[in-house]
Protein backbone atom coordinates (compact mmCIF):
# COMPACT_ATOMS: atom_id res chain seq x y z
CA UNK A 1 28.33 -3.10 -29.98
CA UNK A 2 28.96 -2.75 -26.25
CA UNK A 3 26.83 -5.09 -24.14
CA UNK A 4 25.58 -3.60 -20.89
CA UNK A 5 26.86 -5.39 -17.80
CA UNK A 6 24.23 -7.28 -15.79
CA UNK A 7 22.44 -5.37 -13.08
CA UNK A 8 21.94 -6.56 -9.50
CA UNK A 9 18.39 -5.88 -8.29
CA UNK A 10 16.98 -6.88 -4.91
CA UNK A 11 13.29 -7.11 -4.09
CA UNK A 12 12.54 -7.14 -0.36
CA UNK A 13 9.04 -7.97 0.90
CA UNK A 14 7.79 -8.11 4.49
CA UNK A 15 5.88 -11.36 4.94
CA UNK A 16 2.13 -11.02 5.75
CA UNK A 17 2.90 -7.48 6.85
CA UNK A 18 -0.29 -6.20 8.51
CA UNK A 19 -1.05 -9.54 10.16
CA UNK A 20 2.56 -9.95 11.28
CA UNK A 21 2.55 -6.51 12.94
CA UNK A 22 -0.63 -7.49 14.81
CA UNK A 23 0.95 -10.77 15.95
CA UNK A 24 4.15 -8.97 16.94
CA UNK A 25 2.28 -6.43 19.07
CA UNK A 26 -0.15 -8.92 20.64
CA UNK A 27 1.60 -12.15 21.72
CA UNK A 28 -1.75 -13.88 22.18
CA UNK A 29 -2.21 -13.83 18.38
CA UNK A 30 1.05 -15.60 17.55
CA UNK A 31 0.67 -18.96 15.88
CA UNK A 32 -3.05 -18.37 15.29
CA UNK A 33 -5.02 -17.62 12.12
CA UNK A 34 -5.27 -13.82 12.09
CA UNK A 35 -7.27 -11.84 9.55
CA UNK A 36 -6.94 -8.05 9.34
CA UNK A 37 -9.97 -6.27 7.96
CA UNK A 38 -13.42 -4.89 8.61
CA UNK A 39 -16.73 -6.36 9.60
CA UNK A 40 -18.00 -9.78 8.60
CA UNK A 41 -20.96 -8.12 6.83
CA UNK A 42 -19.08 -5.91 4.40
CA UNK A 43 -15.43 -6.20 5.21
CA UNK A 44 -12.64 -7.24 2.91
CA UNK A 45 -9.51 -9.04 4.05
CA UNK A 46 -6.61 -6.59 4.11
CA UNK A 47 -4.10 -9.24 5.21
CA UNK A 48 -4.00 -12.79 6.51
CA UNK A 49 -1.40 -14.53 8.60
CA UNK A 50 0.21 -17.66 7.19
CA UNK A 51 -1.83 -19.69 9.66
CA UNK A 52 -4.99 -18.28 8.02
CA UNK A 53 -3.61 -18.70 4.51
CA UNK A 54 -3.35 -22.43 5.18
CA UNK A 55 -7.17 -22.44 5.08
CA UNK A 56 -7.30 -20.61 1.75
CA UNK A 57 -7.75 -17.10 3.17
CA UNK A 58 -6.06 -14.33 1.18
CA UNK A 59 -6.10 -10.55 0.89
CA UNK A 60 -8.93 -8.92 -1.10
CA UNK A 61 -11.26 -11.83 -0.24
CA UNK A 62 -14.58 -10.90 1.34
CA UNK A 63 -14.53 -11.32 5.10
CA UNK A 64 -17.63 -13.49 4.90
CA UNK A 65 -15.84 -15.94 2.60
CA UNK A 66 -12.72 -15.85 4.77
CA UNK A 67 -14.72 -16.80 7.85
CA UNK A 68 -16.51 -19.52 5.92
CA UNK A 69 -13.16 -21.07 5.04
CA UNK A 70 -11.64 -20.49 8.47
CA UNK A 71 -14.42 -20.13 11.08
CA UNK A 72 -11.96 -19.92 13.97
CA UNK A 73 -9.99 -17.04 12.44
CA UNK A 74 -9.35 -14.07 14.72
CA UNK A 75 -10.47 -10.86 13.01
CA UNK A 76 -8.67 -7.69 14.07
CA UNK A 77 -9.24 -4.16 12.87
CA UNK A 78 -6.34 -2.50 11.12
CA UNK A 79 -3.99 -0.14 12.99
CA UNK A 80 -2.56 2.04 10.23
CA UNK A 81 -0.41 4.09 12.59
CA UNK A 82 1.50 0.95 13.60
CA UNK A 83 1.91 -0.18 10.01
CA UNK A 84 3.09 3.26 8.91
CA UNK A 85 5.73 3.38 11.64
CA UNK A 86 6.97 -0.13 10.83
CA UNK A 87 7.09 0.84 7.15
CA UNK A 88 9.19 3.93 7.91
CA UNK A 89 11.65 1.82 9.90
CA UNK A 90 11.76 -0.79 7.14
CA UNK A 91 12.68 1.71 4.44
CA UNK A 92 15.28 3.32 6.68
CA UNK A 93 16.96 -0.09 6.76
CA UNK A 94 16.84 -0.39 2.97
CA UNK A 95 18.24 3.13 2.58
CA UNK A 96 21.36 2.00 4.47
CA UNK A 97 22.18 -0.42 1.65
CA UNK A 98 21.54 1.65 -1.48
CA UNK A 99 20.71 5.22 -2.53
CA UNK A 100 18.49 3.67 -5.22
CA UNK A 101 15.41 2.38 -3.39
CA UNK A 102 11.97 2.21 -5.00
CA UNK A 103 9.03 1.73 -2.65
CA UNK A 104 6.22 -0.32 -4.17
CA UNK A 105 3.96 -0.21 -1.12
CA UNK A 106 4.10 -0.08 2.67
CA UNK A 107 5.97 -3.38 2.86
CA UNK A 108 8.03 -3.97 -0.28
CA UNK A 109 10.66 -2.28 -2.34
CA UNK A 110 13.41 -2.66 -4.92
CA UNK A 111 17.09 -1.85 -4.41
CA UNK A 112 19.68 -1.43 -7.16
CA UNK A 113 23.01 -2.84 -5.94
CA UNK A 114 24.73 -2.84 -9.33
CA UNK A 115 28.48 -2.37 -8.91
CA UNK A 116 28.39 -2.34 -5.11
CA UNK A 117 29.89 -5.76 -4.37
CA UNK A 118 33.31 -4.40 -3.39
CA UNK A 119 31.64 -2.08 -0.89
CA UNK A 120 28.79 -4.24 0.43
CA UNK A 121 29.78 -7.80 -0.42
CA UNK A 122 27.99 -10.47 -2.44
CA UNK A 123 24.27 -9.90 -3.12
CA UNK A 124 23.31 -12.99 -1.11
CA UNK A 125 25.18 -11.60 1.88
CA UNK A 126 23.43 -8.25 1.50
CA UNK A 127 20.06 -10.01 1.39
CA UNK A 128 20.96 -11.97 4.53
CA UNK A 129 21.99 -8.81 6.38
CA UNK A 130 18.76 -7.03 5.41
CA UNK A 131 16.71 -9.99 6.69
CA UNK A 132 18.70 -10.04 9.94
CA UNK A 133 18.18 -6.32 10.55
CA UNK A 134 14.45 -6.53 9.82
CA UNK A 135 14.15 -9.35 12.34
CA UNK A 136 16.33 -7.67 14.97
CA UNK A 137 14.97 -4.11 14.66
CA UNK A 138 11.33 -4.71 13.69
CA UNK A 139 10.67 -8.25 14.96
CA UNK A 140 9.29 -9.00 11.49
CA UNK A 141 10.27 -11.41 8.74
CA UNK A 142 11.34 -10.41 5.22
CA UNK A 143 11.77 -12.40 2.03
CA UNK A 144 14.42 -11.32 -0.47
CA UNK A 145 14.89 -11.99 -4.17
CA UNK A 146 18.03 -11.12 -6.14
CA UNK A 147 18.13 -11.13 -9.93
CA UNK A 148 19.41 -9.18 -12.96
CA UNK A 149 16.14 -7.27 -13.29
CA UNK A 150 13.01 -6.24 -11.39
CA UNK A 151 10.63 -8.81 -12.87
CA UNK A 152 12.74 -11.80 -11.84
CA UNK A 153 13.74 -10.29 -8.48
CA UNK A 154 10.09 -9.90 -7.45
CA UNK A 155 9.31 -13.50 -8.40
CA UNK A 156 12.44 -14.69 -6.57
CA UNK A 157 11.37 -12.98 -3.33
CA UNK A 158 7.94 -14.62 -3.51
CA UNK A 159 8.84 -18.13 -4.54
CA UNK A 160 10.29 -19.29 -1.19
CA UNK A 161 8.00 -17.37 1.17
CA UNK A 162 7.88 -17.03 4.08
CA UNK A 163 11.39 -16.08 5.21
CA UNK A 164 12.80 -16.75 1.76
CA UNK A 165 16.07 -15.78 0.08
CA UNK A 166 16.52 -16.71 -3.58
CA UNK A 167 19.40 -15.51 -5.77
CA UNK A 168 19.06 -15.83 -9.55
CA UNK A 169 22.31 -15.15 -11.41
CA UNK A 170 22.45 -13.89 -15.01
CA UNK A 171 23.25 -17.38 -16.30
CA UNK A 172 20.36 -18.91 -14.36
CA UNK A 173 17.69 -16.42 -15.43
CA UNK A 174 16.12 -18.29 -18.36
CA UNK A 175 16.17 -21.62 -16.55
CA UNK A 176 14.53 -20.00 -13.54
CA UNK A 177 11.73 -18.31 -15.48
CA UNK A 178 10.74 -20.80 -18.15
CA UNK A 179 9.15 -23.55 -15.99
CA UNK A 180 6.98 -21.04 -14.10
CA UNK A 181 3.25 -20.73 -14.90
CA UNK A 182 2.09 -17.88 -17.11
CA UNK A 183 0.31 -16.35 -14.10
CA UNK A 184 3.74 -15.27 -12.89
CA UNK A 185 4.12 -12.87 -15.82
CA UNK A 186 3.62 -9.24 -14.89
CA UNK A 187 0.31 -8.03 -16.31
CA UNK A 188 -1.30 -11.48 -16.56
CA UNK A 189 -4.50 -11.64 -14.57
CA UNK A 190 -7.37 -14.09 -14.71
CA UNK A 191 -8.65 -13.04 -18.15
CA UNK A 192 -5.26 -12.82 -19.88
CA UNK A 193 -4.16 -16.03 -18.23
CA UNK A 194 -7.20 -17.84 -19.60
CA UNK A 195 -6.49 -16.40 -23.06
CA UNK A 196 -2.89 -17.66 -22.97
CA UNK A 197 -3.97 -21.10 -21.81
CA UNK A 198 -6.53 -21.25 -24.61
CA UNK A 199 -3.57 -20.73 -26.97
CA UNK A 200 -1.82 -23.73 -25.41
CA UNK A 201 0.60 -21.56 -23.40
CA UNK A 202 0.82 -22.68 -19.79
CA UNK A 203 4.40 -21.75 -18.83
CA UNK A 204 6.62 -18.72 -19.32
CA UNK A 205 8.79 -20.90 -21.56
CA UNK A 206 5.79 -21.56 -23.79
CA UNK A 207 5.27 -17.81 -24.17
CA UNK A 208 8.96 -17.26 -24.92
CA UNK A 209 8.86 -19.80 -27.76
CA UNK A 210 5.58 -18.54 -29.23
CA UNK A 211 5.84 -16.18 -32.24
CA UNK A 212 5.70 -12.63 -30.94
CA UNK A 213 3.63 -11.46 -33.89
CA UNK A 214 0.94 -13.99 -32.97
CA UNK A 215 0.97 -12.78 -29.36
CA UNK A 216 0.56 -9.20 -30.52
CA UNK A 217 -2.30 -10.16 -32.81
CA UNK A 218 -4.11 -11.85 -29.92
CA UNK A 219 -3.20 -9.60 -26.98
CA UNK A 220 -2.68 -6.21 -28.61
CA UNK A 221 0.29 -3.95 -29.39
CA UNK A 222 0.99 -3.03 -25.76
CA UNK A 223 0.56 -6.25 -23.79
CA UNK A 224 1.82 -8.66 -26.48
CA UNK A 225 5.38 -7.27 -26.84
CA UNK A 226 5.69 -6.74 -23.09
CA UNK A 227 4.84 -10.35 -22.24
CA UNK A 228 7.07 -11.66 -25.05
CA UNK A 229 10.01 -9.65 -23.68
CA UNK A 230 9.47 -10.68 -20.08
CA UNK A 231 9.18 -14.34 -21.09
CA UNK A 232 12.56 -14.04 -22.86
CA UNK A 233 14.07 -12.63 -19.66
CA UNK A 234 14.08 -9.00 -20.80
CA UNK A 235 13.17 -6.17 -18.42
CA UNK A 236 14.86 -2.80 -18.90
CA UNK A 237 12.93 -1.03 -16.13
CA UNK A 238 15.21 0.82 -13.74
CA UNK A 239 14.79 1.18 -10.00
CA UNK A 240 13.12 4.56 -9.51
CA UNK A 241 13.73 6.20 -6.13
CA UNK A 242 10.64 7.20 -4.22
CA UNK A 243 8.77 10.21 -5.51
CA UNK A 244 6.67 12.60 -3.46
CA UNK A 245 3.09 11.36 -2.97
CA UNK A 246 0.38 12.87 -5.16
CA UNK A 247 -2.18 12.84 -2.34
CA UNK A 248 -2.65 11.61 1.23
CA UNK A 249 -6.02 10.36 2.41
CA UNK A 250 -8.09 7.99 4.51
CA UNK A 251 -11.47 6.45 3.83
CA UNK A 252 -13.82 4.03 5.55
CA UNK A 253 -16.62 1.70 4.44
CA UNK A 254 -19.31 1.55 7.10
CA UNK A 255 -20.87 -1.63 8.43
CA UNK A 256 -24.17 0.25 8.57
CA UNK A 257 -24.96 3.12 6.22
CA UNK A 258 -24.84 6.59 7.72
CA UNK A 259 -27.32 9.35 6.96
CA UNK A 260 -26.80 11.89 9.76
CA UNK A 261 -24.51 14.77 8.90
CA UNK A 262 -23.23 14.93 12.48
CA UNK A 263 -22.06 11.31 12.32
CA UNK A 264 -20.31 11.96 9.02
CA UNK A 265 -18.58 15.05 10.40
CA UNK A 266 -17.17 13.03 13.32
CA UNK A 267 -15.76 10.42 10.94
CA UNK A 268 -14.37 13.10 8.66
CA UNK A 269 -12.76 14.84 11.63
CA UNK A 270 -10.92 11.65 12.56
CA UNK A 271 -9.81 11.04 8.97
CA UNK A 272 -8.49 14.58 8.44
CA UNK A 273 -6.66 14.48 11.78
CA UNK A 274 -4.78 11.45 10.48
CA UNK A 275 -4.17 13.10 7.11
CA UNK A 276 -2.74 16.18 8.85
CA UNK A 277 -0.41 14.02 10.95
CA UNK A 278 0.87 12.24 7.86
CA UNK A 279 1.44 15.59 6.14
CA UNK A 280 3.48 16.86 9.08
CA UNK A 281 5.55 13.71 9.37
CA UNK A 282 6.33 13.85 5.64
CA UNK A 283 7.22 17.55 5.94
CA UNK A 284 4.46 18.50 3.50
CA UNK A 285 1.62 20.98 3.20
CA UNK A 286 -1.56 20.63 1.15
CA UNK A 287 -3.20 23.16 -1.13
CA UNK A 288 -6.31 21.07 -1.90
CA UNK A 289 -8.78 19.24 0.36
CA UNK A 290 -11.20 16.65 -0.96
CA UNK A 291 -14.07 14.47 0.23
CA UNK A 292 -15.19 11.15 -1.28
CA UNK A 293 -18.72 9.84 -0.71
CA UNK A 294 -20.13 6.56 -1.96
CA UNK A 295 -23.91 6.38 -1.70
CA UNK A 296 -25.75 3.15 -1.07
CA UNK A 297 -27.66 1.75 -4.02
CA UNK A 298 -31.27 2.80 -4.48
CA UNK A 299 -33.64 -0.05 -3.83
CA UNK A 300 -34.30 -0.38 -7.55
CA UNK A 301 -31.11 1.15 -8.89
CA UNK A 302 -27.93 -0.46 -10.20
CA UNK A 303 -24.68 -0.39 -8.23
CA UNK A 304 -23.33 2.47 -6.15
CA UNK A 305 -22.52 6.10 -6.88
CA UNK A 306 -19.16 7.48 -5.81
CA UNK A 307 -18.68 11.24 -5.91
CA UNK A 308 -15.66 13.42 -5.18
CA UNK A 309 -15.59 17.11 -4.30
CA UNK A 310 -12.48 19.27 -3.90
CA UNK A 311 -11.66 22.71 -2.57
CA UNK A 312 -8.49 24.71 -3.17
CA UNK A 313 -7.20 26.38 -0.01
CA UNK A 314 -6.13 30.01 0.13
CA UNK A 315 -2.79 28.92 1.67
CA UNK A 316 -0.95 25.58 1.86
CA UNK A 317 -1.24 24.00 5.30
CA UNK A 318 -0.77 20.93 7.48
CA UNK A 319 -3.14 22.29 10.16
CA UNK A 320 -5.90 19.75 10.84
CA UNK A 321 -8.36 22.47 11.83
CA UNK A 322 -8.07 24.13 8.42
CA UNK A 323 -8.41 20.81 6.59
CA UNK A 324 -11.45 19.82 8.66
CA UNK A 325 -13.26 23.11 8.10
CA UNK A 326 -12.78 22.85 4.35
CA UNK A 327 -13.87 19.19 4.27
CA UNK A 328 -16.97 19.90 6.41
CA UNK A 329 -18.04 22.64 3.99
CA UNK A 330 -17.70 20.16 1.12
CA UNK A 331 -20.32 17.90 2.74
CA UNK A 332 -22.91 20.53 1.76
CA UNK A 333 -22.33 19.55 -1.87
CA UNK A 334 -23.54 15.97 -1.33
CA UNK A 335 -27.17 14.92 -1.23
CA UNK A 336 -27.32 13.07 2.08
CA UNK A 337 -30.49 11.82 3.80
CA UNK A 338 -32.17 8.62 4.92
CA UNK A 339 -33.63 7.67 1.54
CA UNK A 340 -32.28 4.60 -0.30
CA UNK A 341 -29.65 5.81 -2.71
CA UNK A 342 -28.74 8.75 -0.45
CA UNK A 343 -27.38 6.94 2.59
CA UNK A 344 -23.59 6.94 2.82
CA UNK A 345 -21.79 3.64 2.51
CA UNK A 346 -18.22 5.03 2.27
CA UNK A 347 -16.66 8.32 3.35
CA UNK A 348 -13.13 9.55 2.79
CA UNK A 349 -11.09 12.70 3.21
CA UNK A 350 -7.86 13.52 1.43
CA UNK A 351 -5.27 16.25 0.88
CA UNK A 352 -3.69 16.95 -2.51
CA UNK A 353 -1.65 19.62 -4.24
CA UNK A 354 1.22 18.73 -1.92
CA UNK A 355 4.35 20.81 -1.53
CA UNK A 356 7.38 20.77 0.76
CA UNK A 357 6.76 22.35 4.14
CA UNK A 358 9.94 24.39 3.85
CA UNK A 359 8.89 25.79 0.48
CA UNK A 360 8.60 29.61 0.55
CA UNK A 361 5.10 31.02 0.77
CA UNK A 362 3.61 34.48 0.96
CA UNK A 363 3.06 35.80 4.48
CA UNK A 364 -0.53 36.66 5.39
CA UNK A 365 -2.14 38.97 7.93
CA UNK A 366 -3.15 35.93 9.99
CA UNK A 367 0.33 34.39 9.83
CA UNK A 368 0.59 34.04 13.61
CA UNK A 369 -2.69 32.10 13.78
CA UNK A 370 -1.71 29.98 10.81
CA UNK A 371 1.67 29.10 12.32
CA UNK A 372 0.10 28.37 15.72
CA UNK A 373 -2.15 25.69 14.25
CA UNK A 374 0.80 23.87 12.68
CA UNK A 375 2.90 24.17 15.87
CA UNK A 376 0.05 22.60 17.83
CA UNK A 377 0.09 19.68 15.41
CA UNK A 378 3.86 19.29 15.85
CA UNK A 379 3.41 19.20 19.62
CA UNK A 380 0.72 16.53 19.37
CA UNK A 381 3.00 14.42 17.17
CA UNK A 382 5.79 14.58 19.76
CA UNK A 383 3.36 13.56 22.52
CA UNK A 384 2.17 10.58 20.47
CA UNK A 385 5.75 9.54 19.73
CA UNK A 386 6.62 9.61 23.42
CA UNK A 387 3.44 8.27 25.05
CA UNK A 388 1.58 6.44 22.28
CA UNK A 389 -1.09 7.25 19.70
CA UNK A 390 -3.95 7.28 22.24
CA UNK A 391 -2.43 9.89 24.56
CA UNK A 392 -4.36 12.75 22.90
CA UNK A 393 -7.85 12.27 21.49
CA UNK A 394 -10.62 14.65 20.54
CA UNK A 395 -13.57 14.67 22.93
CA UNK A 396 -15.96 13.44 20.23
CA UNK A 397 -13.90 10.25 19.94
CA UNK A 398 -13.66 9.35 23.62
CA UNK A 399 -16.50 6.83 23.38
CA UNK A 400 -15.15 5.22 20.19
CA UNK A 401 -14.10 1.60 20.32
CA UNK A 402 -10.42 0.98 19.63
C-alpha cells in the first residue's frame, strides 16, 4: 500500500481584525480597549481589541456585558467598507503564495503549500513572509499556523496569538494535539464539551485513547467518528478554493424599533446600495432580491418572528435602483405598524441567484436604460475609490450620523 506524503497546510488569521482596522485608521484608539459593535442597549460585540480582551470582553458577547466588564471601553460602530477592502488586499497577498486558497471569513484562510518548498522555501519562511507583507501592506498583524492538515493548522495559528507563528511537523502532530483541552476539537461546543468531561475526557489525548465505539454510542454516528479521527491526528479535508457566494446582503438591528414605512425604506435604500456595490465589485449580477424583517415580540407573546420575502427579477442586474424598487415592493408583504408584535426590530436586504456579470443574457427593449443604471454604479465606485466612501451620498442620508 502506498502511503500518501504529508501535506503542508497554512492557516493565516488576522488578529482582532475589525478592532485592529479601527485602531489602524484612528491613531487615537491605539493601545486602548476598543469594542466594535452596536448600541449598549441591544448591541452585540463584533470584535474586541486585545486591550479589551484583557478584561474578558470577546466577540458575540452582549455590549451591555462587555461594558460591565470594561466600563472604559471605547465603542465604535463597524465600517464594513473598510473591512471589506482590507480583506480583499489580504487575500490578494495569500493568492501570491498558492493557487489553493480557501477563505473561511473576512480575515482568515487556508493555503495548501504541499510540494512547493523548492519554489517558495520552507513553510516557516513562507509564514514569515506572509506576516511581513500583511504588516507592510495593510498595517495589520497576522498569526500563522503550519501543520499537515487543516485542523492542526488552525489550532497552531491560534495558540500563540497575537502575532504568532507555530509550525507543527508530521512527527510532532500527536504530541502537539494530545495535551490540548477537548474544547479545541472541531465541533465541540459547550454541550458536547460537558458531555466529554462527564465521561472523564478532558484532553484530546483522552479522546484518542477512548474506544471509538463508546464515543459513537454516546455522541452519535456522525460526531463520534469525526472526533475520534481528529483526536488521532486524522483530517483528510482538502483546501477548497473560494467558491462564488450564494447571496450578498446587509441587515441591521435597531436600537429602537421602527414602525414607519418611510423610515424602513430609507434603511433599505442604504442596504441595497451597499449590496449593489458589492455585486459590481465582485463582477456579479443578481436575479433575486429579498427582504428580511424581524418583528418585536408581542407584549404577551414568546420570542420574535423573523420573516423573509423574495422576488425574482425579470433580468439579472447590479443596478441599485432596480434592487431598491423590488425590495420596497416586498415591504407591502409585511404587517408593519405601531402595535407590539408588529414593530420592526431588524431589517435586511439581500441579493441572490447570482451569476457572472459577463455571462450572456437576452437583450431587452429597455437595454439602454438597463445598461445606463449599471454604468452609473460603476462610475460611483470609481469616485469612491479615488475620493473615499463618503464622496457620494443619497440626499436622504445627508443627516445620518457616521
